[in-house]
Amino acid sequence: MKYVLFVLSTVLLVGLFSFSPAQPELLPTKLRITVIDGLGNPAEGATVTIYLNEDDYRNSENPVAKAISDNKGRVTFKDLKPVPYFIDARKGDMNNDFEGVRTAALEEGKLNKVNTVIE
C-alpha cells in the first residue's frame, strides 16, 4: 500500500513540475482601448482606429484596424504585433488629438490595456 501511494505521489509531482505555461507566441496579442471623455465617463460609440506609425496616423492612411467603442467605452483589437501603436479616437466633434496617442510596445501574448481621452 505504501509503495502504491509513493508511486502515485511521484507521478503526480512529476506531472506538476513538467507542466509549462503556454508560450506567448501561441496566445494572441491584444490591445484594449478605453475611450473616456474629459469628465472621465466612458465614451460609447467612438470610432477608434490604430496605426503602426506616426505618418500613417497623421495622414489617416493604412489603418491596422478600426472599431466602435461599446457602452463601457472599450474596443479590443486582436492578433496584433508586439509593437507600439498610434490611436485615433473620435466621436462627434471630440477627439484625442495630442492626448497620449501612442501606446508603449505591446506585450506579446497578453491583453494590453490603455485609456485615451477625447475632448
PDB file of N, CA and C in Angstrom:
ATOM      1  N   MET A   1       0.814  -1.187   0.000  1.00  0.00           N
ATOM      2  CA  MET A   1       0.000   0.000   0.000  1.00  0.00           C
ATOM      3  C   MET A   1       0.868   1.266   0.000  1.00  0.00           C
ATOM      4  N   LYS A   2       1.917   1.268   0.858  1.00  0.00           N
ATOM      5  CA  LYS A   2       2.804   2.422   0.903  1.00  0.00           C
ATOM      6  C   LYS A   2       3.498   2.610  -0.441  1.00  0.00           C
ATOM      7  N   TYR A   3       3.848   1.509  -1.078  1.00  0.00           N
ATOM      8  CA  TYR A   3       4.532   1.578  -2.366  1.00  0.00           C
ATOM      9  C   TYR A   3       3.609   2.206  -3.408  1.00  0.00           C
ATOM     10  N   VAL A   4       2.341   1.835  -3.424  1.00  0.00           N
ATOM     11  CA  VAL A   4       1.371   2.381  -4.375  1.00  0.00           C
ATOM     12  C   VAL A   4       1.208   3.881  -4.138  1.00  0.00           C
ATOM     13  N   LEU A   5       1.106   4.300  -2.899  1.00  0.00           N
ATOM     14  CA  LEU A   5       0.998   5.723  -2.579  1.00  0.00           C
ATOM     15  C   LEU A   5       2.252   6.482  -2.999  1.00  0.00           C
ATOM     16  N   PHE A   6       3.401   5.884  -2.796  1.00  0.00           N
ATOM     17  CA  PHE A   6       4.655   6.509  -3.200  1.00  0.00           C
ATOM     18  C   PHE A   6       4.697   6.698  -4.718  1.00  0.00           C
ATOM     19  N   VAL A   7       4.315   5.673  -5.459  1.00  0.00           N
ATOM     20  CA  VAL A   7       4.325   5.743  -6.926  1.00  0.00           C
ATOM     21  C   VAL A   7       3.326   6.797  -7.403  1.00  0.00           C
ATOM     22  N   LEU A   8       2.135   6.798  -6.843  1.00  0.00           N
ATOM     23  CA  LEU A   8       1.124   7.780  -7.250  1.00  0.00           C
ATOM     24  C   LEU A   8       1.561   9.208  -6.941  1.00  0.00           C
ATOM     25  N   SER A   9       2.128   9.439  -5.765  1.00  0.00           N
ATOM     26  CA  SER A   9       2.578  10.792  -5.426  1.00  0.00           C
ATOM     27  C   SER A   9       3.755  11.209  -6.298  1.00  0.00           C
ATOM     28  N   THR A  10       4.634  10.263  -6.637  1.00  0.00           N
ATOM     29  CA  THR A  10       5.754  10.576  -7.523  1.00  0.00           C
ATOM     30  C   THR A  10       5.250  10.960  -8.911  1.00  0.00           C
ATOM     31  N   VAL A  11       4.305  10.209  -9.438  1.00  0.00           N
ATOM     32  CA  VAL A  11       3.734  10.513 -10.757  1.00  0.00           C
ATOM     33  C   VAL A  11       3.052  11.882 -10.725  1.00  0.00           C
ATOM     34  N   LEU A  12       2.323  12.159  -9.654  1.00  0.00           N
ATOM     35  CA  LEU A  12       1.653  13.440  -9.522  1.00  0.00           C
ATOM     36  C   LEU A  12       2.651  14.588  -9.480  1.00  0.00           C
ATOM     37  N   LEU A  13       3.709  14.463  -8.707  1.00  0.00           N
ATOM     38  CA  LEU A  13       4.725  15.516  -8.621  1.00  0.00           C
ATOM     39  C   LEU A  13       5.444  15.722  -9.944  1.00  0.00           C
ATOM     40  N   VAL A  14       5.787  14.645 -10.622  1.00  0.00           N
ATOM     41  CA  VAL A  14       6.447  14.764 -11.927  1.00  0.00           C
ATOM     42  C   VAL A  14       5.521  15.481 -12.898  1.00  0.00           C
ATOM     43  N   GLY A  15       4.244  15.135 -12.853  1.00  0.00           N
ATOM     44  CA  GLY A  15       3.275  15.795 -13.728  1.00  0.00           C
ATOM     45  C   GLY A  15       3.157  17.277 -13.441  1.00  0.00           C
ATOM     46  N   LEU A  16       3.149  17.648 -12.176  1.00  0.00           N
ATOM     47  CA  LEU A  16       3.041  19.063 -11.818  1.00  0.00           C
ATOM     48  C   LEU A  16       4.262  19.860 -12.244  1.00  0.00           C
ATOM     49  N   PHE A  17       5.441  19.303 -12.052  1.00  0.00           N
ATOM     50  CA  PHE A  17       6.657  20.037 -12.384  1.00  0.00           C
ATOM     51  C   PHE A  17       6.981  20.015 -13.872  1.00  0.00           C
ATOM     52  N   SER A  18       6.361  19.129 -14.619  1.00  0.00           N
ATOM     53  CA  SER A  18       6.610  19.097 -16.060  1.00  0.00           C
ATOM     54  C   SER A  18       5.660  20.016 -16.810  1.00  0.00           C
ATOM     55  N   PHE A  19       4.664  20.564 -16.110  1.00  0.00           N
ATOM     56  CA  PHE A  19       3.727  21.487 -16.740  1.00  0.00           C
ATOM     57  C   PHE A  19       4.432  22.805 -17.031  1.00  0.00           C
ATOM     58  N   SER A  20       4.260  23.290 -18.242  1.00  0.00           N
ATOM     59  CA  SER A  20       4.815  24.595 -18.567  1.00  0.00           C
ATOM     60  C   SER A  20       3.692  25.478 -19.087  1.00  0.00           C
ATOM     61  N   PRO A  21       3.690  26.752 -18.727  1.00  0.00           N
ATOM     62  CA  PRO A  21       2.626  27.643 -19.185  1.00  0.00           C
ATOM     63  C   PRO A  21       2.696  27.821 -20.697  1.00  0.00           C
ATOM     64  N   ALA A  22       1.586  28.233 -21.273  1.00  0.00           N
ATOM     65  CA  ALA A  22       1.519  28.435 -22.716  1.00  0.00           C
ATOM     66  C   ALA A  22       2.554  29.460 -23.155  1.00  0.00           C
ATOM     67  N   GLN A  23       3.160  29.208 -24.264  1.00  0.00           N
ATOM     68  CA  GLN A  23       4.147  30.128 -24.812  1.00  0.00           C
ATOM     69  C   GLN A  23       3.441  31.386 -25.314  1.00  0.00           C
ATOM     70  N   PRO A  24       4.032  32.574 -25.110  1.00  0.00           N
ATOM     71  CA  PRO A  24       3.389  33.811 -25.541  1.00  0.00           C
ATOM     72  C   PRO A  24       3.041  33.811 -27.022  1.00  0.00           C
ATOM     73  N   GLU A  25       3.892  33.212 -27.849  1.00  0.00           N
ATOM     74  CA  GLU A  25       3.626  33.242 -29.288  1.00  0.00           C
ATOM     75  C   GLU A  25       2.394  32.429 -29.660  1.00  0.00           C
ATOM     76  N   LEU A  26       1.914  31.577 -28.755  1.00  0.00           N
ATOM     77  CA  LEU A  26       0.713  30.802 -29.013  1.00  0.00           C
ATOM     78  C   LEU A  26      -0.553  31.567 -28.628  1.00  0.00           C
ATOM     79  N   LEU A  27      -0.406  32.580 -27.803  1.00  0.00           N
ATOM     80  CA  LEU A  27      -1.535  33.392 -27.379  1.00  0.00           C
ATOM     81  C   LEU A  27      -1.584  34.667 -28.213  1.00  0.00           C
ATOM     82  N   PRO A  28      -2.780  35.140 -28.543  1.00  0.00           N
ATOM     83  CA  PRO A  28      -2.856  36.364 -29.353  1.00  0.00           C
ATOM     84  C   PRO A  28      -2.475  37.597 -28.533  1.00  0.00           C
ATOM     85  N   THR A  29      -1.834  38.522 -29.184  1.00  0.00           N
ATOM     86  CA  THR A  29      -1.514  39.810 -28.574  1.00  0.00           C
ATOM     87  C   THR A  29      -2.704  40.720 -28.825  1.00  0.00           C
ATOM     88  N   LYS A  30      -3.275  41.273 -27.745  1.00  0.00           N
ATOM     89  CA  LYS A  30      -4.475  42.091 -27.849  1.00  0.00           C
ATOM     90  C   LYS A  30      -4.221  43.477 -27.281  1.00  0.00           C
ATOM     91  N   LEU A  31      -5.024  44.417 -27.747  1.00  0.00           N
ATOM     92  CA  LEU A  31      -4.978  45.787 -27.235  1.00  0.00           C
ATOM     93  C   LEU A  31      -6.404  46.220 -26.926  1.00  0.00           C
ATOM     94  N   ARG A  32      -6.683  46.511 -25.647  1.00  0.00           N
ATOM     95  CA  ARG A  32      -7.987  47.047 -25.261  1.00  0.00           C
ATOM     96  C   ARG A  32      -7.808  48.527 -24.969  1.00  0.00           C
ATOM     97  N   ILE A  33      -8.556  49.321 -25.705  1.00  0.00           N
ATOM     98  CA  ILE A  33      -8.524  50.773 -25.540  1.00  0.00           C
ATOM     99  C   ILE A  33      -9.851  51.199 -24.927  1.00  0.00           C
ATOM    100  N   THR A  34      -9.778  51.946 -23.831  1.00  0.00           N
ATOM    101  CA  THR A  34     -10.974  52.517 -23.230  1.00  0.00           C
ATOM    102  C   THR A  34     -10.977  54.005 -23.539  1.00  0.00           C
ATOM    103  N   VAL A  35     -12.035  54.451 -24.191  1.00  0.00           N
ATOM    104  CA  VAL A  35     -12.179  55.856 -24.560  1.00  0.00           C
ATOM    105  C   VAL A  35     -13.034  56.527 -23.496  1.00  0.00           C
ATOM    106  N   ILE A  36     -12.490  57.597 -22.923  1.00  0.00           N
ATOM    107  CA  ILE A  36     -13.233  58.355 -21.911  1.00  0.00           C
ATOM    108  C   ILE A  36     -13.276  59.827 -22.315  1.00  0.00           C
ATOM    109  N   ASP A  37     -14.318  60.507 -21.832  1.00  0.00           N
ATOM    110  CA  ASP A  37     -14.408  61.936 -22.122  1.00  0.00           C
ATOM    111  C   ASP A  37     -13.635  62.730 -21.068  1.00  0.00           C
ATOM    112  N   GLY A  38     -13.645  64.038 -21.194  1.00  0.00           N
ATOM    113  CA  GLY A  38     -12.888  64.897 -20.288  1.00  0.00           C
ATOM    114  C   GLY A  38     -13.322  64.812 -18.831  1.00  0.00           C
ATOM    115  N   LEU A  39     -14.522  64.286 -18.581  1.00  0.00           N
ATOM    116  CA  LEU A  39     -15.015  64.132 -17.209  1.00  0.00           C
ATOM    117  C   LEU A  39     -14.753  62.728 -16.664  1.00  0.00           C
ATOM    118  N   GLY A  40     -14.154  61.869 -17.486  1.00  0.00           N
ATOM    119  CA  GLY A  40     -13.848  60.512 -17.049  1.00  0.00           C
ATOM    120  C   GLY A  40     -14.941  59.499 -17.324  1.00  0.00           C
ATOM    121  N   ASN A  41     -15.973  59.898 -18.063  1.00  0.00           N
ATOM    122  CA  ASN A  41     -17.060  58.987 -18.401  1.00  0.00           C
ATOM    123  C   ASN A  41     -16.715  58.179 -19.654  1.00  0.00           C
ATOM    124  N   PRO A  42     -17.144  56.920 -19.727  1.00  0.00           N
ATOM    125  CA  PRO A  42     -16.883  56.132 -20.931  1.00  0.00           C
ATOM    126  C   PRO A  42     -17.593  56.736 -22.134  1.00  0.00           C
ATOM    127  N   ALA A  43     -16.913  56.719 -23.267  1.00  0.00           N
ATOM    128  CA  ALA A  43     -17.461  57.299 -24.489  1.00  0.00           C
ATOM    129  C   ALA A  43     -17.951  56.180 -25.405  1.00  0.00           C
ATOM    130  N   GLU A  44     -19.234  55.871 -25.310  1.00  0.00           N
ATOM    131  CA  GLU A  44     -19.830  54.850 -26.171  1.00  0.00           C
ATOM    132  C   GLU A  44     -19.985  55.412 -27.583  1.00  0.00           C
ATOM    133  N   GLY A  45     -19.736  54.568 -28.581  1.00  0.00           N
ATOM    134  CA  GLY A  45     -19.935  54.960 -29.969  1.00  0.00           C
ATOM    135  C   GLY A  45     -18.798  55.748 -30.583  1.00  0.00           C
ATOM    136  N   ALA A  46     -17.647  55.775 -29.936  1.00  0.00           N
ATOM    137  CA  ALA A  46     -16.479  56.461 -30.513  1.00  0.00           C
ATOM    138  C   ALA A  46     -15.830  55.552 -31.553  1.00  0.00           C
ATOM    139  N   THR A  47     -15.381  56.125 -32.634  1.00  0.00           N
ATOM    140  CA  THR A  47     -14.652  55.376 -33.652  1.00  0.00           C
ATOM    141  C   THR A  47     -13.175  55.384 -33.282  1.00  0.00           C
ATOM    142  N   VAL A  48     -12.592  54.197 -33.137  1.00  0.00           N
ATOM    143  CA  VAL A  48     -11.199  54.069 -32.736  1.00  0.00           C
ATOM    144  C   VAL A  48     -10.434  53.376 -33.858  1.00  0.00           C
ATOM    145  N   THR A  49      -9.372  54.019 -34.302  1.00  0.00           N
ATOM    146  CA  THR A  49      -8.534  53.484 -35.373  1.00  0.00           C
ATOM    147  C   THR A  49      -7.106  53.414 -34.852  1.00  0.00           C
ATOM    148  N   ILE A  50      -6.400  52.329 -35.179  1.00  0.00           N
ATOM    149  CA  ILE A  50      -4.993  52.223 -34.769  1.00  0.00           C
ATOM    150  C   ILE A  50      -4.104  52.150 -36.006  1.00  0.00           C
ATOM    151  N   TYR A  51      -2.914  52.733 -35.849  1.00  0.00           N
ATOM    152  CA  TYR A  51      -1.927  52.815 -36.930  1.00  0.00           C
ATOM    153  C   TYR A  51      -0.576  52.331 -36.418  1.00  0.00           C
ATOM    154  N   LEU A  52       0.256  51.849 -37.347  1.00  0.00           N
ATOM    155  CA  LEU A  52       1.594  51.368 -36.976  1.00  0.00           C
ATOM    156  C   LEU A  52       2.631  52.467 -36.845  1.00  0.00           C
ATOM    157  N   ASN A  53       2.434  53.577 -37.561  1.00  0.00           N
ATOM    158  CA  ASN A  53       3.454  54.628 -37.486  1.00  0.00           C
ATOM    159  C   ASN A  53       2.815  56.009 -37.491  1.00  0.00           C
ATOM    160  N   GLU A  54       3.610  56.988 -37.120  1.00  0.00           N
ATOM    161  CA  GLU A  54       3.104  58.350 -36.954  1.00  0.00           C
ATOM    162  C   GLU A  54       2.665  58.978 -38.276  1.00  0.00           C
ATOM    163  N   ASP A  55       3.380  58.686 -39.355  1.00  0.00           N
ATOM    164  CA  ASP A  55       2.986  59.250 -40.657  1.00  0.00           C
ATOM    165  C   ASP A  55       1.601  58.768 -41.070  1.00  0.00           C
ATOM    166  N   ASP A  56       1.357  57.467 -40.923  1.00  0.00           N
ATOM    167  CA  ASP A  56       0.033  56.939 -41.259  1.00  0.00           C
ATOM    168  C   ASP A  56      -1.035  57.546 -40.357  1.00  0.00           C
ATOM    169  N   TYR A  57      -0.718  57.701 -39.078  1.00  0.00           N
ATOM    170  CA  TYR A  57      -1.650  58.314 -38.129  1.00  0.00           C
ATOM    171  C   TYR A  57      -1.973  59.748 -38.550  1.00  0.00           C
ATOM    172  N   ARG A  58      -0.953  60.543 -38.829  1.00  0.00           N
ATOM    173  CA  ARG A  58      -1.166  61.957 -39.178  1.00  0.00           C
ATOM    174  C   ARG A  58      -1.916  62.119 -40.503  1.00  0.00           C
ATOM    175  N   ASN A  59      -1.701  61.175 -41.439  1.00  0.00           N
ATOM    176  CA  ASN A  59      -2.342  61.252 -42.753  1.00  0.00           C
ATOM    177  C   ASN A  59      -3.617  60.405 -42.854  1.00  0.00           C
ATOM    178  N   SER A  60      -3.983  59.736 -41.757  1.00  0.00           N
ATOM    179  CA  SER A  60      -5.150  58.839 -41.748  1.00  0.00           C
ATOM    180  C   SER A  60      -5.094  57.837 -42.890  1.00  0.00           C
ATOM    181  N   GLU A  61      -3.933  57.207 -43.033  1.00  0.00           N
ATOM    182  CA  GLU A  61      -3.709  56.218 -44.095  1.00  0.00           C
ATOM    183  C   GLU A  61      -3.272  54.885 -43.496  1.00  0.00           C
ATOM    184  N   ASN A  62      -3.577  53.804 -44.188  1.00  0.00           N
ATOM    185  CA  ASN A  62      -3.124  52.455 -43.836  1.00  0.00           C
ATOM    186  C   ASN A  62      -3.450  52.055 -42.392  1.00  0.00           C
ATOM    187  N   PRO A  63      -4.703  52.162 -41.982  1.00  0.00           N
ATOM    188  CA  PRO A  63      -5.023  51.750 -40.611  1.00  0.00           C
ATOM    189  C   PRO A  63      -4.806  50.246 -40.428  1.00  0.00           C
ATOM    190  N   VAL A  64      -4.380  49.868 -39.237  1.00  0.00           N
ATOM    191  CA  VAL A  64      -4.234  48.454 -38.897  1.00  0.00           C
ATOM    192  C   VAL A  64      -5.608  47.865 -38.616  1.00  0.00           C
ATOM    193  N   ALA A  65      -6.433  48.608 -37.872  1.00  0.00           N
ATOM    194  CA  ALA A  65      -7.771  48.151 -37.527  1.00  0.00           C
ATOM    195  C   ALA A  65      -8.612  49.340 -37.092  1.00  0.00           C
ATOM    196  N   LYS A  66      -9.937  49.132 -37.136  1.00  0.00           N
ATOM    197  CA  LYS A  66     -10.889  50.178 -36.747  1.00  0.00           C
ATOM    198  C   LYS A  66     -12.072  49.500 -36.061  1.00  0.00           C
ATOM    199  N   ALA A  67     -12.612  50.143 -35.011  1.00  0.00           N
ATOM    200  CA  ALA A  67     -13.761  49.593 -34.293  1.00  0.00           C
ATOM    201  C   ALA A  67     -14.527  50.725 -33.614  1.00  0.00           C
ATOM    202  N   ILE A  68     -15.744  50.412 -33.186  1.00  0.00           N
ATOM    203  CA  ILE A  68     -16.604  51.356 -32.476  1.00  0.00           C
ATOM    204  C   ILE A  68     -16.653  50.936 -31.007  1.00  0.00           C
ATOM    205  N   SER A  69     -16.492  51.896 -30.088  1.00  0.00           N
ATOM    206  CA  SER A  69     -16.472  51.577 -28.654  1.00  0.00           C
ATOM    207  C   SER A  69     -17.858  51.136 -28.169  1.00  0.00           C
ATOM    208  N   ASP A  70     -17.842  50.218 -27.202  1.00  0.00           N
ATOM    209  CA  ASP A  70     -19.077  49.689 -26.629  1.00  0.00           C
ATOM    210  C   ASP A  70     -19.607  50.626 -25.534  1.00  0.00           C
ATOM    211  N   ASN A  71     -20.623  50.175 -24.795  1.00  0.00           N
ATOM    212  CA  ASN A  71     -21.231  51.033 -23.775  1.00  0.00           C
ATOM    213  C   ASN A  71     -20.298  51.341 -22.607  1.00  0.00           C
ATOM    214  N   LYS A  72     -19.175  50.625 -22.510  1.00  0.00           N
ATOM    215  CA  LYS A  72     -18.165  50.927 -21.493  1.00  0.00           C
ATOM    216  C   LYS A  72     -17.001  51.721 -22.081  1.00  0.00           C
ATOM    217  N   GLY A  73     -17.151  52.156 -23.333  1.00  0.00           N
ATOM    218  CA  GLY A  73     -16.113  52.932 -23.992  1.00  0.00           C
ATOM    219  C   GLY A  73     -14.944  52.096 -24.489  1.00  0.00           C
ATOM    220  N   ARG A  74     -15.113  50.784 -24.565  1.00  0.00           N
ATOM    221  CA  ARG A  74     -13.990  49.895 -24.879  1.00  0.00           C
ATOM    222  C   ARG A  74     -14.058  49.322 -26.296  1.00  0.00           C
ATOM    223  N   VAL A  75     -12.882  49.150 -26.856  1.00  0.00           N
ATOM    224  CA  VAL A  75     -12.690  48.363 -28.072  1.00  0.00           C
ATOM    225  C   VAL A  75     -11.504  47.444 -27.825  1.00  0.00           C
ATOM    226  N   THR A  76     -11.538  46.270 -28.418  1.00  0.00           N
ATOM    227  CA  THR A  76     -10.429  45.331 -28.270  1.00  0.00           C
ATOM    228  C   THR A  76      -9.981  44.882 -29.651  1.00  0.00           C
ATOM    229  N   PHE A  77      -8.707  45.064 -29.919  1.00  0.00           N
ATOM    230  CA  PHE A  77      -8.115  44.612 -31.173  1.00  0.00           C
ATOM    231  C   PHE A  77      -7.285  43.361 -30.883  1.00  0.00           C
ATOM    232  N   LYS A  78      -7.385  42.355 -31.757  1.00  0.00           N
ATOM    233  CA  LYS A  78      -6.727  41.067 -31.528  1.00  0.00           C
ATOM    234  C   LYS A  78      -5.694  40.794 -32.610  1.00  0.00           C
ATOM    235  N   ASP A  79      -4.830  39.834 -32.314  1.00  0.00           N
ATOM    236  CA  ASP A  79      -3.814  39.354 -33.261  1.00  0.00           C
ATOM    237  C   ASP A  79      -2.911  40.482 -33.757  1.00  0.00           C
ATOM    238  N   LEU A  80      -2.419  41.275 -32.817  1.00  0.00           N
ATOM    239  CA  LEU A  80      -1.541  42.393 -33.157  1.00  0.00           C
ATOM    240  C   LEU A  80      -0.074  42.011 -32.972  1.00  0.00           C
ATOM    241  N   LYS A  81       0.778  42.804 -33.571  1.00  0.00           N
ATOM    242  CA  LYS A  81       2.219  42.646 -33.369  1.00  0.00           C
ATOM    243  C   LYS A  81       2.590  43.302 -32.035  1.00  0.00           C
ATOM    244  N   PRO A  82       3.635  42.816 -31.374  1.00  0.00           N
ATOM    245  CA  PRO A  82       4.053  43.434 -30.103  1.00  0.00           C
ATOM    246  C   PRO A  82       4.903  44.685 -30.337  1.00  0.00           C
ATOM    247  N   VAL A  83       4.275  45.716 -30.878  1.00  0.00           N
ATOM    248  CA  VAL A  83       4.934  46.992 -31.190  1.00  0.00           C
ATOM    249  C   VAL A  83       4.048  48.126 -30.681  1.00  0.00           C
ATOM    250  N   PRO A  84       4.541  49.360 -30.662  1.00  0.00           N
ATOM    251  CA  PRO A  84       3.685  50.500 -30.300  1.00  0.00           C
ATOM    252  C   PRO A  84       2.669  50.792 -31.413  1.00  0.00           C
ATOM    253  N   TYR A  85       1.540  51.341 -31.033  1.00  0.00           N
ATOM    254  CA  TYR A  85       0.511  51.743 -31.999  1.00  0.00           C
ATOM    255  C   TYR A  85       0.106  53.186 -31.727  1.00  0.00           C
ATOM    256  N   PHE A  86      -0.381  53.845 -32.770  1.00  0.00           N
ATOM    257  CA  PHE A  86      -0.914  55.196 -32.663  1.00  0.00           C
ATOM    258  C   PHE A  86      -2.434  55.096 -32.693  1.00  0.00           C
ATOM    259  N   ILE A  87      -3.092  55.779 -31.756  1.00  0.00           N
ATOM    260  CA  ILE A  87      -4.540  55.675 -31.578  1.00  0.00           C
ATOM    261  C   ILE A  87      -5.222  56.962 -32.026  1.00  0.00           C
ATOM    262  N   ASP A  88      -6.240  56.811 -32.856  1.00  0.00           N
ATOM    263  CA  ASP A  88      -7.091  57.933 -33.238  1.00  0.00           C
ATOM    264  C   ASP A  88      -8.498  57.591 -32.772  1.00  0.00           C
ATOM    265  N   ALA A  89      -9.045  58.386 -31.840  1.00  0.00           N
ATOM    266  CA  ALA A  89     -10.394  58.171 -31.327  1.00  0.00           C
ATOM    267  C   ALA A  89     -11.226  59.409 -31.586  1.00  0.00           C
ATOM    268  N   ARG A  90     -12.439  59.195 -32.119  1.00  0.00           N
ATOM    269  CA  ARG A  90     -13.298  60.321 -32.482  1.00  0.00           C
ATOM    270  C   ARG A  90     -14.753  59.999 -32.196  1.00  0.00           C
ATOM    271  N   LYS A  91     -15.460  61.024 -31.715  1.00  0.00           N
ATOM    272  CA  LYS A  91     -16.907  60.928 -31.537  1.00  0.00           C
ATOM    273  C   LYS A  91     -17.465  62.330 -31.684  1.00  0.00           C
ATOM    274  N   GLY A  92     -18.259  62.539 -32.714  1.00  0.00           N
ATOM    275  CA  GLY A  92     -18.784  63.883 -32.986  1.00  0.00           C
ATOM    276  C   GLY A  92     -17.636  64.854 -33.179  1.00  0.00           C
ATOM    277  N   ASP A  93     -17.659  65.961 -32.428  1.00  0.00           N
ATOM    278  CA  ASP A  93     -16.574  66.940 -32.546  1.00  0.00           C
ATOM    279  C   ASP A  93     -15.469  66.714 -31.514  1.00  0.00           C
ATOM    280  N   MET A  94     -15.531  65.601 -30.778  1.00  0.00           N
ATOM    281  CA  MET A  94     -14.487  65.276 -29.796  1.00  0.00           C
ATOM    282  C   MET A  94     -13.469  64.313 -30.410  1.00  0.00           C
ATOM    283  N   ASN A  95     -12.199  64.477 -29.993  1.00  0.00           N
ATOM    284  CA  ASN A  95     -11.151  63.571 -30.463  1.00  0.00           C
ATOM    285  C   ASN A  95     -10.034  63.525 -29.425  1.00  0.00           C
ATOM    286  N   ASN A  96      -9.075  62.644 -29.661  1.00  0.00           N
ATOM    287  CA  ASN A  96      -7.946  62.505 -28.721  1.00  0.00           C
ATOM    288  C   ASN A  96      -6.673  63.134 -29.256  1.00  0.00           C
ATOM    289  N   ASP A  97      -6.796  64.079 -30.184  1.00  0.00           N
ATOM    290  CA  ASP A  97      -5.614  64.738 -30.732  1.00  0.00           C
ATOM    291  C   ASP A  97      -4.751  65.292 -29.601  1.00  0.00           C
ATOM    292  N   PHE A  98      -3.478  64.943 -29.601  1.00  0.00           N
ATOM    293  CA  PHE A  98      -2.479  65.401 -28.630  1.00  0.00           C
ATOM    294  C   PHE A  98      -2.744  64.896 -27.203  1.00  0.00           C
ATOM    295  N   GLU A  99      -3.531  63.847 -27.042  1.00  0.00           N
ATOM    296  CA  GLU A  99      -3.864  63.310 -25.719  1.00  0.00           C
ATOM    297  C   GLU A  99      -3.322  61.895 -25.531  1.00  0.00           C
ATOM    298  N   GLY A 100      -2.044  61.695 -25.705  1.00  0.00           N
ATOM    299  CA  GLY A 100      -1.470  60.368 -25.499  1.00  0.00           C
ATOM    300  C   GLY A 100      -1.883  59.398 -26.577  1.00  0.00           C
ATOM    301  N   VAL A 101      -1.519  59.691 -27.807  1.00  0.00           N
ATOM    302  CA  VAL A 101      -1.987  58.885 -28.930  1.00  0.00           C
ATOM    303  C   VAL A 101      -1.097  57.683 -29.233  1.00  0.00           C
ATOM    304  N   ARG A 102       0.056  57.558 -28.584  1.00  0.00           N
ATOM    305  CA  ARG A 102       0.977  56.443 -28.859  1.00  0.00           C
ATOM    306  C   ARG A 102       1.032  55.516 -27.658  1.00  0.00           C
ATOM    307  N   THR A 103       0.889  54.208 -27.919  1.00  0.00           N
ATOM    308  CA  THR A 103       0.997  53.226 -26.839  1.00  0.00           C
ATOM    309  C   THR A 103       2.461  52.858 -26.641  1.00  0.00           C
ATOM    310  N   ALA A 104       2.739  52.219 -25.544  1.00  0.00           N
ATOM    311  CA  ALA A 104       4.042  51.578 -25.376  1.00  0.00           C
ATOM    312  C   ALA A 104       4.017  50.316 -26.243  1.00  0.00           C
ATOM    313  N   ALA A 105       5.161  49.694 -26.437  1.00  0.00           N
ATOM    314  CA  ALA A 105       5.192  48.433 -27.180  1.00  0.00           C
ATOM    315  C   ALA A 105       4.316  47.418 -26.444  1.00  0.00           C
ATOM    316  N   LEU A 106       3.453  46.745 -27.173  1.00  0.00           N
ATOM    317  CA  LEU A 106       2.560  45.771 -26.562  1.00  0.00           C
ATOM    318  C   LEU A 106       3.344  44.563 -26.081  1.00  0.00           C
ATOM    319  N   GLU A 107       2.873  43.967 -24.994  1.00  0.00           N
ATOM    320  CA  GLU A 107       3.484  42.740 -24.501  1.00  0.00           C
ATOM    321  C   GLU A 107       2.887  41.574 -25.274  1.00  0.00           C
ATOM    322  N   GLU A 108       3.750  40.778 -25.855  1.00  0.00           N
ATOM    323  CA  GLU A 108       3.316  39.666 -26.684  1.00  0.00           C
ATOM    324  C   GLU A 108       2.524  38.643 -25.878  1.00  0.00           C
ATOM    325  N   GLY A 109       1.429  38.161 -26.474  1.00  0.00           N
ATOM    326  CA  GLY A 109       0.624  37.121 -25.847  1.00  0.00           C
ATOM    327  C   GLY A 109      -0.209  37.581 -24.677  1.00  0.00           C
ATOM    328  N   LYS A 110      -0.426  38.895 -24.550  1.00  0.00           N
ATOM    329  CA  LYS A 110      -1.187  39.431 -23.418  1.00  0.00           C
ATOM    330  C   LYS A 110      -2.270  40.377 -23.891  1.00  0.00           C
ATOM    331  N   LEU A 111      -3.205  40.657 -22.978  1.00  0.00           N
ATOM    332  CA  LEU A 111      -4.195  41.701 -23.209  1.00  0.00           C
ATOM    333  C   LEU A 111      -3.607  42.995 -22.650  1.00  0.00           C
ATOM    334  N   ASN A 112      -3.204  43.889 -23.527  1.00  0.00           N
ATOM    335  CA  ASN A 112      -2.630  45.175 -23.148  1.00  0.00           C
ATOM    336  C   ASN A 112      -3.778  46.185 -23.047  1.00  0.00           C
ATOM    337  N   LYS A 113      -3.777  47.015 -22.009  1.00  0.00           N
ATOM    338  CA  LYS A 113      -4.881  47.955 -21.774  1.00  0.00           C
ATOM    339  C   LYS A 113      -4.350  49.379 -21.706  1.00  0.00           C
ATOM    340  N   VAL A 114      -5.050  50.288 -22.406  1.00  0.00           N
ATOM    341  CA  VAL A 114      -4.729  51.714 -22.356  1.00  0.00           C
ATOM    342  C   VAL A 114      -6.018  52.510 -22.357  1.00  0.00           C
ATOM    343  N   ASN A 115      -5.945  53.730 -21.866  1.00  0.00           N
ATOM    344  CA  ASN A 115      -7.055  54.669 -21.914  1.00  0.00           C
ATOM    345  C   ASN A 115      -6.664  55.807 -22.833  1.00  0.00           C
ATOM    346  N   THR A 116      -7.659  56.383 -23.481  1.00  0.00           N
ATOM    347  CA  THR A 116      -7.429  57.608 -24.238  1.00  0.00           C
ATOM    348  C   THR A 116      -8.585  58.551 -23.970  1.00  0.00           C
ATOM    349  N   VAL A 117      -8.279  59.832 -23.880  1.00  0.00           N
ATOM    350  CA  VAL A 117      -9.271  60.854 -23.539  1.00  0.00           C
ATOM    351  C   VAL A 117      -9.651  61.618 -24.791  1.00  0.00           C
ATOM    352  N   ILE A 118     -10.963  61.774 -25.002  1.00  0.00           N
ATOM    353  CA  ILE A 118     -11.437  62.616 -26.103  1.00  0.00           C
ATOM    354  C   ILE A 118     -12.064  63.866 -25.509  1.00  0.00           C
ATOM    355  N   GLU A 119     -11.761  64.996 -26.123  1.00  0.00           N
ATOM    356  CA  GLU A 119     -12.325  66.280 -25.667  1.00  0.00           C
ATOM    357  C   GLU A 119     -12.698  67.121 -26.860  1.00  0.00           C
TER     358      GLU A 119
END
